């Protein structure tokens, strides 16, 4: 049983590192935001594995949900605005 949990934790760690790299190196802002949301959801799973359910819920709600929705909305708003309009 411990070997199975160790394998799951290792897989989770590798996925977190991959998503962090993908989110930070993405050339397209929308794709980077989606990777950021997935990273937040996996990080919530990490907090749950560490037996911190309060942090897991906060990470899922604020880190992935609210922040991701705000970033997606800002990206859509910026894409609609023609070049040269708005603050510098």
N, C-alpha and C. Protein backbone atom coordinates (compact mmCIF):
# COMPACT_ATOMS: atom_id res chain seq x y z
N UNK A 1 0.82 -1.20 0.00
CA UNK A 1 0.00 0.00 0.00
C UNK A 1 0.86 1.26 0.00
N UNK A 2 1.94 1.27 0.78
CA UNK A 2 2.80 2.44 0.82
C UNK A 2 3.49 2.67 -0.52
N UNK A 3 3.83 1.61 -1.22
CA UNK A 3 4.47 1.74 -2.52
C UNK A 3 3.51 2.38 -3.53
N UNK A 4 2.24 2.04 -3.44
CA UNK A 4 1.24 2.63 -4.31
C UNK A 4 1.09 4.13 -4.04
N UNK A 5 1.05 4.51 -2.76
CA UNK A 5 0.95 5.92 -2.41
C UNK A 5 2.20 6.69 -2.81
N UNK A 6 3.35 6.06 -2.67
CA UNK A 6 4.59 6.70 -3.09
C UNK A 6 4.60 6.93 -4.60
N UNK A 7 4.13 5.97 -5.35
CA UNK A 7 4.03 6.13 -6.79
C UNK A 7 3.06 7.23 -7.18
N UNK A 8 1.94 7.32 -6.47
CA UNK A 8 0.97 8.38 -6.73
C UNK A 8 1.57 9.75 -6.43
N UNK A 9 2.28 9.85 -5.30
CA UNK A 9 2.91 11.12 -4.94
C UNK A 9 3.98 11.52 -5.94
N UNK A 10 4.73 10.55 -6.42
CA UNK A 10 5.76 10.83 -7.42
C UNK A 10 5.13 11.30 -8.73
N UNK A 11 4.08 10.64 -9.15
CA UNK A 11 3.37 11.04 -10.36
C UNK A 11 2.77 12.43 -10.21
N UNK A 12 2.23 12.71 -9.05
CA UNK A 12 1.67 14.03 -8.77
C UNK A 12 2.74 15.11 -8.82
N UNK A 13 3.90 14.82 -8.26
CA UNK A 13 5.01 15.78 -8.27
C UNK A 13 5.50 16.06 -9.69
N UNK A 14 5.62 15.02 -10.48
CA UNK A 14 6.07 15.20 -11.87
C UNK A 14 5.06 16.02 -12.65
N UNK A 15 3.77 15.74 -12.45
CA UNK A 15 2.73 16.50 -13.14
C UNK A 15 2.73 17.96 -12.70
N UNK A 16 2.96 18.22 -11.42
CA UNK A 16 3.02 19.60 -10.94
C UNK A 16 4.17 20.36 -11.58
N UNK A 17 5.34 19.74 -11.62
CA UNK A 17 6.49 20.40 -12.24
C UNK A 17 6.25 20.65 -13.73
N UNK A 18 5.65 19.69 -14.40
CA UNK A 18 5.36 19.84 -15.83
C UNK A 18 4.37 20.97 -16.07
N UNK A 19 3.31 21.02 -15.27
CA UNK A 19 2.31 22.08 -15.43
C UNK A 19 2.88 23.45 -15.09
N UNK A 20 3.73 23.52 -14.07
CA UNK A 20 4.35 24.80 -13.72
C UNK A 20 5.22 25.30 -14.86
N UNK A 21 6.00 24.42 -15.45
CA UNK A 21 6.83 24.81 -16.59
C UNK A 21 5.97 25.21 -17.78
N UNK A 22 4.92 24.45 -18.05
CA UNK A 22 4.06 24.74 -19.20
C UNK A 22 3.32 26.06 -19.01
N UNK A 23 2.87 26.34 -17.80
CA UNK A 23 2.15 27.59 -17.55
C UNK A 23 3.07 28.80 -17.66
N UNK A 24 4.29 28.66 -17.21
CA UNK A 24 5.19 29.81 -17.23
C UNK A 24 5.88 30.02 -18.57
N UNK A 25 5.95 29.00 -19.40
CA UNK A 25 6.65 29.15 -20.68
C UNK A 25 5.71 29.17 -21.88
N UNK A 26 4.41 29.19 -21.65
CA UNK A 26 3.46 29.19 -22.75
C UNK A 26 3.49 30.53 -23.48
N UNK A 27 3.48 30.48 -24.80
CA UNK A 27 3.50 31.70 -25.62
C UNK A 27 2.10 32.30 -25.74
N UNK A 28 1.09 31.47 -25.62
CA UNK A 28 -0.29 31.93 -25.74
C UNK A 28 -0.87 32.14 -24.34
N UNK A 29 -1.36 33.35 -24.03
CA UNK A 29 -1.85 33.62 -22.67
C UNK A 29 -3.01 32.74 -22.23
N UNK A 30 -3.92 32.43 -23.14
CA UNK A 30 -5.06 31.60 -22.77
C UNK A 30 -4.61 30.19 -22.39
N UNK A 31 -3.69 29.64 -23.14
CA UNK A 31 -3.18 28.30 -22.84
C UNK A 31 -2.43 28.31 -21.50
N UNK A 32 -1.65 29.36 -21.25
CA UNK A 32 -0.95 29.48 -19.97
C UNK A 32 -1.91 29.57 -18.80
N UNK A 33 -3.02 30.27 -19.00
CA UNK A 33 -4.03 30.38 -17.94
C UNK A 33 -4.68 29.03 -17.67
N UNK A 34 -4.94 28.28 -18.70
CA UNK A 34 -5.54 26.95 -18.51
C UNK A 34 -4.57 26.03 -17.78
N UNK A 35 -3.29 26.11 -18.11
CA UNK A 35 -2.29 25.33 -17.38
C UNK A 35 -2.22 25.78 -15.92
N UNK A 36 -2.37 27.09 -15.68
CA UNK A 36 -2.36 27.62 -14.31
C UNK A 36 -3.54 27.06 -13.50
N UNK A 37 -4.70 26.98 -14.11
CA UNK A 37 -5.88 26.44 -13.43
C UNK A 37 -5.66 24.96 -13.11
N UNK A 38 -5.14 24.21 -14.06
CA UNK A 38 -4.85 22.79 -13.81
C UNK A 38 -3.81 22.63 -12.71
N UNK A 39 -2.80 23.52 -12.70
CA UNK A 39 -1.78 23.49 -11.65
C UNK A 39 -2.42 23.73 -10.28
N UNK A 40 -3.34 24.68 -10.19
CA UNK A 40 -4.01 24.96 -8.92
C UNK A 40 -4.84 23.79 -8.44
N UNK A 41 -5.50 23.10 -9.36
CA UNK A 41 -6.30 21.95 -8.96
C UNK A 41 -5.42 20.80 -8.46
N UNK A 42 -4.29 20.57 -9.14
CA UNK A 42 -3.38 19.52 -8.67
C UNK A 42 -2.74 19.91 -7.34
N UNK A 43 -2.46 21.20 -7.17
CA UNK A 43 -1.89 21.65 -5.90
C UNK A 43 -2.90 21.47 -4.76
N UNK A 44 -4.18 21.63 -5.05
CA UNK A 44 -5.21 21.36 -4.04
C UNK A 44 -5.19 19.88 -3.65
N UNK A 45 -4.95 19.02 -4.62
CA UNK A 45 -4.83 17.59 -4.33
C UNK A 45 -3.60 17.31 -3.46
N UNK A 46 -2.52 18.03 -3.70
CA UNK A 46 -1.32 17.88 -2.86
C UNK A 46 -1.64 18.27 -1.42
N UNK A 47 -2.34 19.39 -1.23
CA UNK A 47 -2.70 19.80 0.13
C UNK A 47 -3.60 18.77 0.80
N UNK A 48 -4.49 18.16 0.03
CA UNK A 48 -5.34 17.11 0.59
C UNK A 48 -4.52 15.89 0.99
N UNK A 49 -3.52 15.54 0.17
CA UNK A 49 -2.64 14.41 0.52
C UNK A 49 -1.81 14.70 1.77
N UNK A 50 -1.50 15.98 2.00
CA UNK A 50 -0.75 16.37 3.20
C UNK A 50 -1.66 16.54 4.42
N UNK A 51 -2.90 16.13 4.28
CA UNK A 51 -3.90 16.19 5.35
C UNK A 51 -4.15 17.62 5.83
N UNK A 52 -4.29 18.52 4.87
CA UNK A 52 -4.63 19.92 5.16
C UNK A 52 -5.85 20.29 4.32
N UNK A 53 -7.04 19.81 4.72
CA UNK A 53 -8.22 20.03 3.88
C UNK A 53 -8.62 21.50 3.77
N UNK A 54 -8.32 22.30 4.79
CA UNK A 54 -8.66 23.72 4.71
C UNK A 54 -7.85 24.41 3.62
N UNK A 55 -6.58 24.09 3.53
CA UNK A 55 -5.74 24.66 2.47
C UNK A 55 -6.12 24.11 1.10
N UNK A 56 -6.52 22.86 1.06
CA UNK A 56 -6.93 22.26 -0.21
C UNK A 56 -8.17 22.97 -0.76
N UNK A 57 -9.14 23.22 0.10
CA UNK A 57 -10.35 23.92 -0.34
C UNK A 57 -10.05 25.35 -0.75
N UNK A 58 -9.20 26.03 0.02
CA UNK A 58 -8.85 27.41 -0.33
C UNK A 58 -8.09 27.47 -1.65
N UNK A 59 -7.19 26.55 -1.87
CA UNK A 59 -6.42 26.52 -3.12
C UNK A 59 -7.33 26.24 -4.30
N UNK A 60 -8.26 25.32 -4.14
CA UNK A 60 -9.17 25.00 -5.25
C UNK A 60 -10.10 26.17 -5.55
N UNK A 61 -10.61 26.82 -4.50
CA UNK A 61 -11.56 27.90 -4.71
C UNK A 61 -10.89 29.19 -5.18
N UNK A 62 -9.84 29.58 -4.48
CA UNK A 62 -9.20 30.87 -4.79
C UNK A 62 -8.12 30.71 -5.85
N UNK A 63 -7.21 29.77 -5.61
CA UNK A 63 -6.06 29.63 -6.51
C UNK A 63 -6.44 29.21 -7.91
N UNK A 64 -7.26 28.21 -8.03
CA UNK A 64 -7.62 27.71 -9.35
C UNK A 64 -8.90 28.37 -9.87
N UNK A 65 -9.92 28.41 -9.04
CA UNK A 65 -11.22 28.89 -9.50
C UNK A 65 -11.30 30.38 -9.75
N UNK A 66 -11.15 31.16 -8.70
CA UNK A 66 -11.34 32.61 -8.81
C UNK A 66 -10.24 33.27 -9.63
N UNK A 67 -9.00 32.96 -9.32
CA UNK A 67 -7.88 33.56 -10.06
C UNK A 67 -7.91 33.16 -11.53
N UNK A 68 -8.20 31.91 -11.79
CA UNK A 68 -8.27 31.45 -13.17
C UNK A 68 -9.39 32.12 -13.95
N UNK A 69 -10.54 32.27 -13.33
CA UNK A 69 -11.66 32.94 -14.00
C UNK A 69 -11.34 34.40 -14.27
N UNK A 70 -10.71 35.07 -13.32
CA UNK A 70 -10.33 36.47 -13.52
C UNK A 70 -9.30 36.60 -14.64
N UNK A 71 -8.34 35.70 -14.69
CA UNK A 71 -7.33 35.75 -15.76
C UNK A 71 -7.94 35.47 -17.13
N UNK A 72 -8.85 34.52 -17.20
CA UNK A 72 -9.51 34.24 -18.48
C UNK A 72 -10.34 35.43 -18.93
N UNK A 73 -11.05 36.05 -18.00
CA UNK A 73 -11.85 37.23 -18.33
C UNK A 73 -10.99 38.40 -18.78
N UNK A 74 -9.88 38.62 -18.10
CA UNK A 74 -8.98 39.70 -18.49
C UNK A 74 -8.37 39.43 -19.86
N UNK A 75 -8.05 38.19 -20.14
CA UNK A 75 -7.50 37.85 -21.44
C UNK A 75 -8.50 38.06 -22.56
N UNK A 76 -9.76 37.73 -22.33
CA UNK A 76 -10.78 37.94 -23.35
C UNK A 76 -11.02 39.42 -23.57
N UNK A 77 -11.03 40.20 -22.48
CA UNK A 77 -11.23 41.63 -22.59
C UNK A 77 -10.07 42.29 -23.34
N UNK A 78 -8.86 41.83 -23.08
CA UNK A 78 -7.69 42.39 -23.76
C UNK A 78 -7.68 42.00 -25.24
N UNK A 79 -8.18 40.84 -25.56
CA UNK A 79 -8.20 40.40 -26.96
C UNK A 79 -9.22 41.18 -27.78
N UNK A 80 -10.29 41.65 -27.16
CA UNK A 80 -11.32 42.41 -27.87
C UNK A 80 -10.90 43.85 -28.13
N UNK A 81 -10.01 44.39 -27.28
CA UNK A 81 -9.62 45.78 -27.40
C UNK A 81 -8.65 45.95 -28.57
N UNK A 82 -8.95 46.88 -29.51
CA UNK A 82 -8.02 47.10 -30.62
C UNK A 82 -6.71 47.71 -30.13
N UNK A 83 -5.64 47.48 -30.90
CA UNK A 83 -4.34 48.03 -30.53
C UNK A 83 -4.39 49.56 -30.52
N UNK A 84 -3.69 50.13 -29.58
CA UNK A 84 -3.62 51.59 -29.48
C UNK A 84 -4.65 52.19 -28.55
N UNK A 85 -5.62 51.43 -28.11
CA UNK A 85 -6.63 51.94 -27.18
C UNK A 85 -6.27 51.56 -25.76
N UNK A 86 -6.64 52.39 -24.84
CA UNK A 86 -6.44 52.07 -23.43
C UNK A 86 -5.15 52.62 -22.89
N UNK A 87 -4.91 52.37 -21.63
CA UNK A 87 -3.71 52.91 -20.98
C UNK A 87 -2.44 52.24 -21.52
N UNK A 88 -1.32 52.94 -21.42
CA UNK A 88 -0.06 52.38 -21.93
C UNK A 88 0.43 51.20 -21.15
